[in-house]
Amino acid sequence: MTMLNTLIKLWHSIKNENLKWQMDNQDDQAKLKQARVLAEKALEAELKKKSVQLEHDISLLKTQHEAELSMFKTKCKQDVKDYKQYLAALDQLKTSIQASYTHLPEAVAFTIHHHAKCLLNKMWEAEDFEQKMQHEMQLIRFMTTVHEDARLHLEGATTEKLPERTLNLIGGQ
């Protein structure tokens, strides 16, 4: 029995030590528990604050992207309108050539028109601003030359049967 008594005493001793330790450290444990609760609340408040900020940022980004998309759509619509106007001008160019050079084979007028359209498409599709400007200047020079050839022919200021300067531009490019 002494062994059993020793074990029981040991067990009571450990329990008493544990109880004493818990009583000695009760304030510290309460403080730790309170600090943990406060930290959790602070973390929750911070997360809520960040969540609200993120929602605000997302809302701003959506608004910004909607505005950019609207501007892009408007720009595209204007680009399409401009492109159609260019094509109409090129059709007028072809009609002007056909009216000025009535003896001119239709294929030549279509070739001039096609070349002007190719220049327009190069200008339109250029990604680089400098290239776009170069193609635009080529198109302007070409159209000016075509109009000048037609005007000179109609005024009788030239004896050429064909729009030679225009055809030379096509052959040179």
N, C-alpha and C. Protein backbone atom coordinates (compact mmCIF):
# COMPACT_ATOMS: atom_id res chain seq x y z
N MET A 1 0.78 -1.19 0.00
CA MET A 1 0.00 0.00 0.00
C MET A 1 0.84 1.26 0.00
N THR A 2 1.99 1.11 0.48
CA THR A 2 2.82 2.29 0.52
C THR A 2 3.11 2.82 -0.89
N MET A 3 3.20 1.90 -1.79
CA MET A 3 3.42 2.31 -3.17
C MET A 3 2.21 3.07 -3.69
N LEU A 4 1.05 2.55 -3.33
CA LEU A 4 -0.19 3.19 -3.77
C LEU A 4 -0.32 4.56 -3.10
N ASN A 5 0.00 4.62 -1.82
CA ASN A 5 -0.04 5.91 -1.10
C ASN A 5 0.95 6.89 -1.70
N THR A 6 2.09 6.39 -2.04
CA THR A 6 3.11 7.25 -2.64
C THR A 6 2.61 7.79 -3.98
N LEU A 7 1.99 6.91 -4.74
CA LEU A 7 1.46 7.34 -6.04
C LEU A 7 0.33 8.35 -5.86
N ILE A 8 -0.53 8.11 -4.90
CA ILE A 8 -1.64 9.04 -4.65
C ILE A 8 -1.11 10.37 -4.18
N LYS A 9 -0.10 10.35 -3.31
CA LYS A 9 0.50 11.59 -2.83
C LYS A 9 1.15 12.34 -3.99
N LEU A 10 1.81 11.58 -4.82
CA LEU A 10 2.47 12.18 -5.98
C LEU A 10 1.43 12.81 -6.89
N TRP A 11 0.35 12.09 -7.11
CA TRP A 11 -0.70 12.60 -7.99
C TRP A 11 -1.31 13.87 -7.39
N HIS A 12 -1.59 13.89 -6.07
CA HIS A 12 -2.13 15.08 -5.40
C HIS A 12 -1.12 16.22 -5.44
N SER A 13 0.11 15.85 -5.31
CA SER A 13 1.16 16.86 -5.34
C SER A 13 1.21 17.53 -6.71
N ILE A 14 1.14 16.71 -7.75
CA ILE A 14 1.17 17.26 -9.12
C ILE A 14 -0.07 18.12 -9.35
N LYS A 15 -1.22 17.63 -8.88
CA LYS A 15 -2.45 18.38 -9.04
C LYS A 15 -2.38 19.70 -8.30
N ASN A 16 -1.83 19.68 -7.09
CA ASN A 16 -1.70 20.90 -6.30
C ASN A 16 -0.74 21.88 -6.99
N GLU A 17 0.34 21.33 -7.52
CA GLU A 17 1.30 22.18 -8.23
C GLU A 17 0.62 22.82 -9.45
N ASN A 18 -0.14 22.01 -10.16
CA ASN A 18 -0.83 22.51 -11.35
C ASN A 18 -1.84 23.58 -10.95
N LEU A 19 -2.59 23.34 -9.89
CA LEU A 19 -3.56 24.30 -9.40
C LEU A 19 -2.87 25.58 -8.95
N LYS A 20 -1.77 25.41 -8.23
CA LYS A 20 -1.01 26.57 -7.76
C LYS A 20 -0.48 27.38 -8.95
N TRP A 21 0.04 26.65 -9.95
CA TRP A 21 0.56 27.34 -11.14
C TRP A 21 -0.55 28.11 -11.85
N GLN A 22 -1.72 27.46 -11.96
CA GLN A 22 -2.84 28.12 -12.64
C GLN A 22 -3.28 29.35 -11.85
N MET A 23 -3.30 29.27 -10.53
CA MET A 23 -3.70 30.42 -9.72
C MET A 23 -2.65 31.53 -9.79
N ASP A 24 -1.38 31.13 -9.78
CA ASP A 24 -0.30 32.12 -9.87
C ASP A 24 -0.32 32.83 -11.22
N ASN A 25 -0.71 32.10 -12.23
CA ASN A 25 -0.66 32.65 -13.59
C ASN A 25 -2.04 33.03 -14.14
N GLN A 26 -3.04 33.03 -13.27
CA GLN A 26 -4.40 33.33 -13.71
C GLN A 26 -4.50 34.71 -14.35
N ASP A 27 -3.88 35.69 -13.77
CA ASP A 27 -3.92 37.06 -14.32
C ASP A 27 -3.26 37.10 -15.70
N ASP A 28 -2.11 36.43 -15.79
CA ASP A 28 -1.41 36.41 -17.09
C ASP A 28 -2.25 35.72 -18.16
N GLN A 29 -2.89 34.61 -17.75
CA GLN A 29 -3.72 33.88 -18.71
C GLN A 29 -4.92 34.73 -19.14
N ALA A 30 -5.51 35.44 -18.19
CA ALA A 30 -6.65 36.31 -18.51
C ALA A 30 -6.20 37.43 -19.45
N LYS A 31 -5.01 37.98 -19.15
CA LYS A 31 -4.48 39.05 -20.01
C LYS A 31 -4.20 38.53 -21.42
N LEU A 32 -3.63 37.32 -21.50
CA LEU A 32 -3.36 36.72 -22.81
C LEU A 32 -4.66 36.46 -23.58
N LYS A 33 -5.66 35.96 -22.86
CA LYS A 33 -6.94 35.69 -23.50
C LYS A 33 -7.56 37.00 -24.00
N GLN A 34 -7.50 38.03 -23.16
CA GLN A 34 -8.05 39.33 -23.55
C GLN A 34 -7.25 39.92 -24.72
N ALA A 35 -5.93 39.77 -24.67
CA ALA A 35 -5.09 40.28 -25.76
C ALA A 35 -5.42 39.55 -27.07
N ARG A 36 -5.65 38.23 -26.96
CA ARG A 36 -6.00 37.45 -28.16
C ARG A 36 -7.34 37.91 -28.73
N VAL A 37 -8.32 38.14 -27.85
CA VAL A 37 -9.64 38.61 -28.30
C VAL A 37 -9.51 39.99 -28.95
N LEU A 38 -8.73 40.88 -28.33
CA LEU A 38 -8.53 42.22 -28.90
C LEU A 38 -7.80 42.14 -30.25
N ALA A 39 -6.81 41.26 -30.33
CA ALA A 39 -6.07 41.09 -31.58
C ALA A 39 -6.98 40.56 -32.68
N GLU A 40 -7.86 39.60 -32.31
CA GLU A 40 -8.80 39.07 -33.29
C GLU A 40 -9.76 40.14 -33.77
N LYS A 41 -10.24 40.98 -32.82
CA LYS A 41 -11.14 42.07 -33.20
C LYS A 41 -10.42 43.10 -34.07
N ALA A 42 -9.19 43.40 -33.72
CA ALA A 42 -8.41 44.36 -34.52
C ALA A 42 -8.17 43.80 -35.92
N LEU A 43 -7.86 42.52 -35.99
CA LEU A 43 -7.65 41.87 -37.29
C LEU A 43 -8.93 41.88 -38.11
N GLU A 44 -10.04 41.58 -37.44
CA GLU A 44 -11.34 41.59 -38.12
C GLU A 44 -11.66 42.99 -38.64
N ALA A 45 -11.41 44.00 -37.82
CA ALA A 45 -11.66 45.39 -38.24
C ALA A 45 -10.76 45.77 -39.41
N GLU A 46 -9.50 45.36 -39.34
CA GLU A 46 -8.55 45.66 -40.43
C GLU A 46 -8.97 44.97 -41.72
N LEU A 47 -9.39 43.71 -41.60
CA LEU A 47 -9.86 42.98 -42.78
C LEU A 47 -11.11 43.63 -43.38
N LYS A 48 -12.00 44.05 -42.52
CA LYS A 48 -13.22 44.72 -42.99
C LYS A 48 -12.85 46.03 -43.70
N LYS A 49 -11.92 46.77 -43.10
CA LYS A 49 -11.47 48.04 -43.70
C LYS A 49 -10.84 47.78 -45.06
N LYS A 50 -9.99 46.76 -45.15
CA LYS A 50 -9.33 46.43 -46.42
C LYS A 50 -10.36 45.94 -47.44
N SER A 51 -11.35 45.19 -46.98
CA SER A 51 -12.40 44.70 -47.87
C SER A 51 -13.17 45.88 -48.47
N VAL A 52 -13.50 46.84 -47.64
CA VAL A 52 -14.21 48.04 -48.12
C VAL A 52 -13.33 48.80 -49.11
N GLN A 53 -12.04 48.91 -48.79
CA GLN A 53 -11.11 49.61 -49.69
C GLN A 53 -11.00 48.88 -51.02
N LEU A 54 -10.92 47.54 -50.97
CA LEU A 54 -10.84 46.76 -52.21
C LEU A 54 -12.11 46.91 -53.05
N GLU A 55 -13.26 46.89 -52.38
CA GLU A 55 -14.52 47.09 -53.10
C GLU A 55 -14.53 48.45 -53.78
N HIS A 56 -14.05 49.45 -53.06
CA HIS A 56 -13.97 50.81 -53.62
C HIS A 56 -13.01 50.84 -54.82
N ASP A 57 -11.85 50.23 -54.67
CA ASP A 57 -10.87 50.19 -55.76
C ASP A 57 -11.42 49.45 -56.97
N ILE A 58 -12.10 48.34 -56.73
CA ILE A 58 -12.70 47.57 -57.83
C ILE A 58 -13.77 48.41 -58.53
N SER A 59 -14.56 49.11 -57.75
CA SER A 59 -15.58 49.98 -58.33
C SER A 59 -14.96 51.07 -59.20
N LEU A 60 -13.88 51.66 -58.69
CA LEU A 60 -13.17 52.69 -59.48
C LEU A 60 -12.61 52.11 -60.77
N LEU A 61 -12.01 50.92 -60.67
CA LEU A 61 -11.45 50.27 -61.86
C LEU A 61 -12.54 49.95 -62.88
N LYS A 62 -13.68 49.45 -62.38
CA LYS A 62 -14.79 49.16 -63.29
C LYS A 62 -15.24 50.43 -64.00
N THR A 63 -15.40 51.49 -63.25
CA THR A 63 -15.82 52.77 -63.84
C THR A 63 -14.80 53.24 -64.86
N GLN A 64 -13.53 53.14 -64.50
CA GLN A 64 -12.46 53.57 -65.40
C GLN A 64 -12.46 52.72 -66.67
N HIS A 65 -12.59 51.41 -66.52
CA HIS A 65 -12.58 50.53 -67.68
C HIS A 65 -13.82 50.74 -68.55
N GLU A 66 -14.97 50.99 -67.93
CA GLU A 66 -16.18 51.28 -68.69
C GLU A 66 -16.00 52.56 -69.50
N ALA A 67 -15.39 53.56 -68.88
CA ALA A 67 -15.15 54.83 -69.59
C ALA A 67 -14.17 54.61 -70.74
N GLU A 68 -13.09 53.86 -70.48
CA GLU A 68 -12.12 53.58 -71.54
C GLU A 68 -12.74 52.78 -72.67
N LEU A 69 -13.58 51.81 -72.33
CA LEU A 69 -14.25 51.01 -73.34
C LEU A 69 -15.19 51.87 -74.17
N SER A 70 -15.92 52.73 -73.51
CA SER A 70 -16.83 53.63 -74.21
C SER A 70 -16.06 54.55 -75.16
N MET A 71 -14.94 55.09 -74.67
CA MET A 71 -14.10 55.95 -75.52
C MET A 71 -13.53 55.15 -76.69
N PHE A 72 -13.11 53.92 -76.43
CA PHE A 72 -12.55 53.08 -77.49
C PHE A 72 -13.61 52.77 -78.54
N LYS A 73 -14.83 52.44 -78.08
CA LYS A 73 -15.92 52.17 -79.02
C LYS A 73 -16.23 53.40 -79.86
N THR A 74 -16.26 54.56 -79.22
CA THR A 74 -16.51 55.81 -79.94
C THR A 74 -15.41 56.05 -80.96
N LYS A 75 -14.17 55.82 -80.56
CA LYS A 75 -13.04 56.00 -81.48
C LYS A 75 -13.15 55.04 -82.66
N CYS A 76 -13.50 53.80 -82.37
CA CYS A 76 -13.65 52.80 -83.45
C CYS A 76 -14.75 53.19 -84.41
N LYS A 77 -15.89 53.65 -83.86
CA LYS A 77 -16.99 54.10 -84.72
C LYS A 77 -16.53 55.25 -85.61
N GLN A 78 -15.78 56.19 -85.01
CA GLN A 78 -15.28 57.33 -85.78
C GLN A 78 -14.29 56.86 -86.82
N ASP A 79 -13.44 55.89 -86.45
CA ASP A 79 -12.47 55.34 -87.42
C ASP A 79 -13.19 54.70 -88.60
N VAL A 80 -14.24 53.95 -88.31
CA VAL A 80 -15.01 53.31 -89.39
C VAL A 80 -15.64 54.38 -90.28
N LYS A 81 -16.18 55.41 -89.65
CA LYS A 81 -16.79 56.52 -90.42
C LYS A 81 -15.72 57.19 -91.29
N ASP A 82 -14.56 57.46 -90.70
CA ASP A 82 -13.47 58.08 -91.46
C ASP A 82 -13.03 57.19 -92.61
N TYR A 83 -12.92 55.89 -92.35
CA TYR A 83 -12.49 54.95 -93.38
C TYR A 83 -13.49 54.93 -94.54
N LYS A 84 -14.78 54.93 -94.20
CA LYS A 84 -15.82 54.96 -95.24
C LYS A 84 -15.70 56.24 -96.07
N GLN A 85 -15.40 57.35 -95.40
CA GLN A 85 -15.24 58.62 -96.12
C GLN A 85 -14.03 58.57 -97.05
N TYR A 86 -12.96 57.96 -96.57
CA TYR A 86 -11.79 57.78 -97.44
C TYR A 86 -12.16 56.95 -98.67
N LEU A 87 -12.88 55.84 -98.44
CA LEU A 87 -13.28 54.99 -99.56
C LEU A 87 -14.17 55.76 -100.54
N ALA A 88 -15.07 56.57 -100.02
CA ALA A 88 -15.93 57.39 -100.88
C ALA A 88 -15.08 58.36 -101.70
N ALA A 89 -14.07 58.94 -101.05
CA ALA A 89 -13.17 59.86 -101.76
C ALA A 89 -12.41 59.12 -102.86
N LEU A 90 -12.01 57.89 -102.57
CA LEU A 90 -11.30 57.11 -103.59
C LEU A 90 -12.23 56.75 -104.75
N ASP A 91 -13.48 56.50 -104.45
CA ASP A 91 -14.46 56.24 -105.52
C ASP A 91 -14.64 57.50 -106.39
N GLN A 92 -14.67 58.66 -105.74
CA GLN A 92 -14.76 59.92 -106.49
C GLN A 92 -13.51 60.11 -107.35
N LEU A 93 -12.38 59.69 -106.82
CA LEU A 93 -11.12 59.78 -107.55
C LEU A 93 -11.21 58.95 -108.84
N LYS A 94 -11.72 57.74 -108.70
CA LYS A 94 -11.87 56.86 -109.87
C LYS A 94 -12.83 57.49 -110.88
N THR A 95 -13.94 58.03 -110.39
CA THR A 95 -14.92 58.67 -111.28
C THR A 95 -14.30 59.87 -111.97
N SER A 96 -13.50 60.63 -111.23
CA SER A 96 -12.83 61.80 -111.81
C SER A 96 -11.87 61.39 -112.92
N ILE A 97 -11.14 60.31 -112.70
CA ILE A 97 -10.21 59.82 -113.73
C ILE A 97 -11.00 59.37 -114.96
N GLN A 98 -12.08 58.63 -114.72
CA GLN A 98 -12.88 58.13 -115.84
C GLN A 98 -13.52 59.29 -116.61
N ALA A 99 -13.93 60.34 -115.91
CA ALA A 99 -14.54 61.51 -116.57
C ALA A 99 -13.50 62.32 -117.33
N SER A 100 -12.30 62.41 -116.77
CA SER A 100 -11.24 63.20 -117.41
C SER A 100 -10.64 62.48 -118.60
N TYR A 101 -10.45 61.20 -118.47
CA TYR A 101 -9.83 60.38 -119.52
C TYR A 101 -10.88 59.41 -120.05
N THR A 102 -11.80 59.90 -120.84
CA THR A 102 -12.91 59.07 -121.33
C THR A 102 -12.43 57.91 -122.19
N HIS A 103 -11.29 58.08 -122.82
CA HIS A 103 -10.73 57.02 -123.67
C HIS A 103 -9.92 55.99 -122.86
N LEU A 104 -9.72 56.28 -121.60
CA LEU A 104 -8.88 55.42 -120.74
C LEU A 104 -9.57 54.08 -120.50
N PRO A 105 -8.86 52.97 -120.68
CA PRO A 105 -9.47 51.67 -120.40
C PRO A 105 -9.90 51.60 -118.93
N GLU A 106 -11.03 50.97 -118.72
CA GLU A 106 -11.58 50.88 -117.37
C GLU A 106 -10.61 50.20 -116.42
N ALA A 107 -9.85 49.24 -116.91
CA ALA A 107 -8.89 48.52 -116.07
C ALA A 107 -7.83 49.46 -115.50
N VAL A 108 -7.45 50.49 -116.27
CA VAL A 108 -6.44 51.44 -115.78
C VAL A 108 -7.04 52.27 -114.64
N ALA A 109 -8.28 52.70 -114.81
CA ALA A 109 -8.93 53.48 -113.75
C ALA A 109 -9.07 52.62 -112.49
N PHE A 110 -9.42 51.34 -112.67
CA PHE A 110 -9.53 50.44 -111.52
C PHE A 110 -8.16 50.20 -110.88
N THR A 111 -7.12 50.13 -111.68
CA THR A 111 -5.77 49.93 -111.15
C THR A 111 -5.36 51.13 -110.29
N ILE A 112 -5.65 52.32 -110.80
CA ILE A 112 -5.33 53.54 -110.03
C ILE A 112 -6.14 53.54 -108.72
N HIS A 113 -7.42 53.22 -108.83
CA HIS A 113 -8.28 53.16 -107.65
C HIS A 113 -7.77 52.10 -106.66
N HIS A 114 -7.41 50.94 -107.19
CA HIS A 114 -6.90 49.85 -106.34
C HIS A 114 -5.61 50.26 -105.63
N HIS A 115 -4.73 50.93 -106.36
CA HIS A 115 -3.47 51.36 -105.76
C HIS A 115 -3.74 52.35 -104.62
N ALA A 116 -4.66 53.28 -104.86
CA ALA A 116 -5.00 54.25 -103.81
C ALA A 116 -5.58 53.51 -102.60
N LYS A 117 -6.40 52.49 -102.84
CA LYS A 117 -6.98 51.71 -101.75
C LYS A 117 -5.90 50.96 -100.98
N CYS A 118 -4.92 50.44 -101.70
CA CYS A 118 -3.80 49.75 -101.02
C CYS A 118 -3.03 50.71 -100.13
N LEU A 119 -2.79 51.92 -100.63
CA LEU A 119 -2.10 52.93 -99.82
C LEU A 119 -2.93 53.28 -98.58
N LEU A 120 -4.23 53.41 -98.78
CA LEU A 120 -5.13 53.69 -97.65
C LEU A 120 -5.05 52.57 -96.61
N ASN A 121 -5.10 51.33 -97.07
CA ASN A 121 -5.05 50.20 -96.14
C ASN A 121 -3.71 50.13 -95.40
N LYS A 122 -2.62 50.41 -96.10
CA LYS A 122 -1.30 50.44 -95.43
C LYS A 122 -1.30 51.49 -94.33
N MET A 123 -1.84 52.66 -94.67
CA MET A 123 -1.90 53.74 -93.69
C MET A 123 -2.77 53.31 -92.51
N TRP A 124 -3.90 52.73 -92.80
CA TRP A 124 -4.87 52.37 -91.76
C TRP A 124 -4.33 51.29 -90.83
N GLU A 125 -3.60 50.35 -91.39
CA GLU A 125 -3.15 49.20 -90.61
C GLU A 125 -1.80 49.41 -89.92
N ALA A 126 -1.12 50.50 -90.23
CA ALA A 126 0.19 50.76 -89.63
C ALA A 126 0.05 50.91 -88.12
N GLU A 127 0.91 50.22 -87.40
CA GLU A 127 0.89 50.28 -85.93
C GLU A 127 1.71 51.47 -85.44
N ASP A 128 2.81 51.69 -86.08
CA ASP A 128 3.74 52.73 -85.68
C ASP A 128 3.27 54.08 -86.23
N PHE A 129 3.26 55.11 -85.39
CA PHE A 129 2.77 56.43 -85.79
C PHE A 129 3.58 56.98 -86.96
N GLU A 130 4.89 56.80 -86.91
CA GLU A 130 5.75 57.31 -87.99
C GLU A 130 5.41 56.64 -89.32
N GLN A 131 5.23 55.33 -89.28
CA GLN A 131 4.86 54.60 -90.50
C GLN A 131 3.50 55.07 -91.00
N LYS A 132 2.58 55.25 -90.09
CA LYS A 132 1.23 55.72 -90.46
C LYS A 132 1.34 57.06 -91.18
N MET A 133 2.17 57.95 -90.66
CA MET A 133 2.33 59.27 -91.28
C MET A 133 2.99 59.15 -92.66
N GLN A 134 3.96 58.26 -92.79
CA GLN A 134 4.60 58.05 -94.09
C GLN A 134 3.59 57.55 -95.12
N HIS A 135 2.79 56.58 -94.74
CA HIS A 135 1.77 56.04 -95.65
C HIS A 135 0.72 57.11 -95.98
N GLU A 136 0.39 57.90 -95.00
CA GLU A 136 -0.60 58.97 -95.24
C GLU A 136 -0.03 59.98 -96.24
N MET A 137 1.23 60.32 -96.09
CA MET A 137 1.85 61.26 -97.04
C MET A 137 1.89 60.64 -98.44
N GLN A 138 2.17 59.35 -98.55
CA GLN A 138 2.16 58.67 -99.86
C GLN A 138 0.76 58.76 -100.48
N LEU A 139 -0.25 58.50 -99.67
CA LEU A 139 -1.62 58.54 -100.16
C LEU A 139 -1.98 59.95 -100.61
N ILE A 140 -1.61 60.94 -99.83
CA ILE A 140 -1.90 62.34 -100.19
C ILE A 140 -1.19 62.71 -101.49
N ARG A 141 0.10 62.34 -101.58
CA ARG A 141 0.85 62.64 -102.82
C ARG A 141 0.19 61.95 -104.02
N PHE A 142 -0.20 60.71 -103.84
CA PHE A 142 -0.81 59.96 -104.93
C PHE A 142 -2.12 60.61 -105.36
N MET A 143 -2.99 60.89 -104.39
CA MET A 143 -4.29 61.48 -104.73
C MET A 143 -4.13 62.86 -105.34
N THR A 144 -3.19 63.64 -104.84
CA THR A 144 -2.93 64.96 -105.40
C THR A 144 -2.45 64.85 -106.84
N THR A 145 -1.58 63.89 -107.08
CA THR A 145 -1.07 63.67 -108.45
C THR A 145 -2.19 63.26 -109.38
N VAL A 146 -3.06 62.36 -108.92
CA VAL A 146 -4.19 61.92 -109.74
C VAL A 146 -5.09 63.10 -110.08
N HIS A 147 -5.44 63.90 -109.09
CA HIS A 147 -6.30 65.07 -109.33
C HIS A 147 -5.61 66.07 -110.26
N GLU A 148 -4.32 66.27 -110.03
CA GLU A 148 -3.57 67.22 -110.87
C GLU A 148 -3.53 66.73 -112.32
N ASP A 149 -3.26 65.44 -112.52
CA ASP A 149 -3.26 64.87 -113.88
C ASP A 149 -4.63 65.07 -114.53
N ALA A 150 -5.69 64.79 -113.80
CA ALA A 150 -7.04 64.91 -114.34
C ALA A 150 -7.37 66.36 -114.66
N ARG A 151 -7.01 67.27 -113.77
CA ARG A 151 -7.28 68.69 -113.98
C ARG A 151 -6.53 69.21 -115.20
N LEU A 152 -5.24 68.89 -115.28
CA LEU A 152 -4.45 69.36 -116.42
C LEU A 152 -5.00 68.80 -117.74
N HIS A 153 -5.42 67.57 -117.73
CA HIS A 153 -5.96 66.96 -118.95
C HIS A 153 -7.28 67.64 -119.35
N LEU A 154 -8.14 67.90 -118.37
CA LEU A 154 -9.42 68.55 -118.66
C LEU A 154 -9.23 69.98 -119.16
N GLU A 155 -8.23 70.67 -118.62
CA GLU A 155 -7.96 72.05 -119.02
C GLU A 155 -7.21 72.11 -120.35
N GLY A 156 -6.80 70.97 -120.83
CA GLY A 156 -6.05 70.94 -122.08
C GLY A 156 -4.61 71.41 -121.91
N ALA A 157 -4.14 71.44 -120.68
CA ALA A 157 -2.79 71.91 -120.39
C ALA A 157 -1.75 70.82 -120.66
N THR A 158 -2.19 69.63 -121.01
CA THR A 158 -1.26 68.55 -121.30
C THR A 158 -1.77 67.79 -122.52
N THR A 159 -0.84 67.24 -123.26
CA THR A 159 -1.22 66.48 -124.46
C THR A 159 -1.16 64.99 -124.21
N GLU A 160 -0.85 64.62 -122.98
CA GLU A 160 -0.72 63.19 -122.66
C GLU A 160 -2.08 62.52 -122.69
N LYS A 161 -2.10 61.34 -123.27
CA LYS A 161 -3.35 60.58 -123.38
C LYS A 161 -3.66 59.80 -122.10
N LEU A 162 -2.63 59.59 -121.28
CA LEU A 162 -2.78 58.84 -120.03
C LEU A 162 -2.32 59.71 -118.85
N PRO A 163 -2.80 59.41 -117.66
CA PRO A 163 -2.30 60.13 -116.47
C PRO A 163 -0.89 59.63 -116.12
N GLU A 164 0.08 60.10 -116.89
CA GLU A 164 1.45 59.57 -116.82
C GLU A 164 2.08 59.70 -115.43
N ARG A 165 1.95 60.86 -114.81
CA ARG A 165 2.57 61.03 -113.49
C ARG A 165 1.97 60.06 -112.47
N THR A 166 0.65 59.86 -112.57
CA THR A 166 -0.03 58.90 -111.67
C THR A 166 0.49 57.49 -111.92
N LEU A 167 0.55 57.11 -113.19
CA LEU A 167 1.02 55.76 -113.52
C LEU A 167 2.48 55.58 -113.12
N ASN A 168 3.29 56.64 -113.23
CA ASN A 168 4.70 56.56 -112.79
C ASN A 168 4.79 56.34 -111.28
N LEU A 169 3.89 56.97 -110.53
CA LEU A 169 3.88 56.74 -109.07
C LEU A 169 3.54 55.28 -108.76
N ILE A 170 2.60 54.71 -109.49
CA ILE A 170 2.24 53.32 -109.27
C ILE A 170 3.41 52.41 -109.61
N GLY A 171 4.06 52.69 -110.72
CA GLY A 171 5.20 51.87 -111.15
C GLY A 171 6.40 52.03 -110.25
N GLY A 172 6.54 53.18 -109.61
CA GLY A 172 7.71 53.45 -108.77
C GLY A 172 7.56 52.91 -107.35
N GLN A 173 6.36 52.47 -106.99
CA GLN A 173 6.16 52.02 -105.60
C GLN A 173 6.06 50.56 -105.49
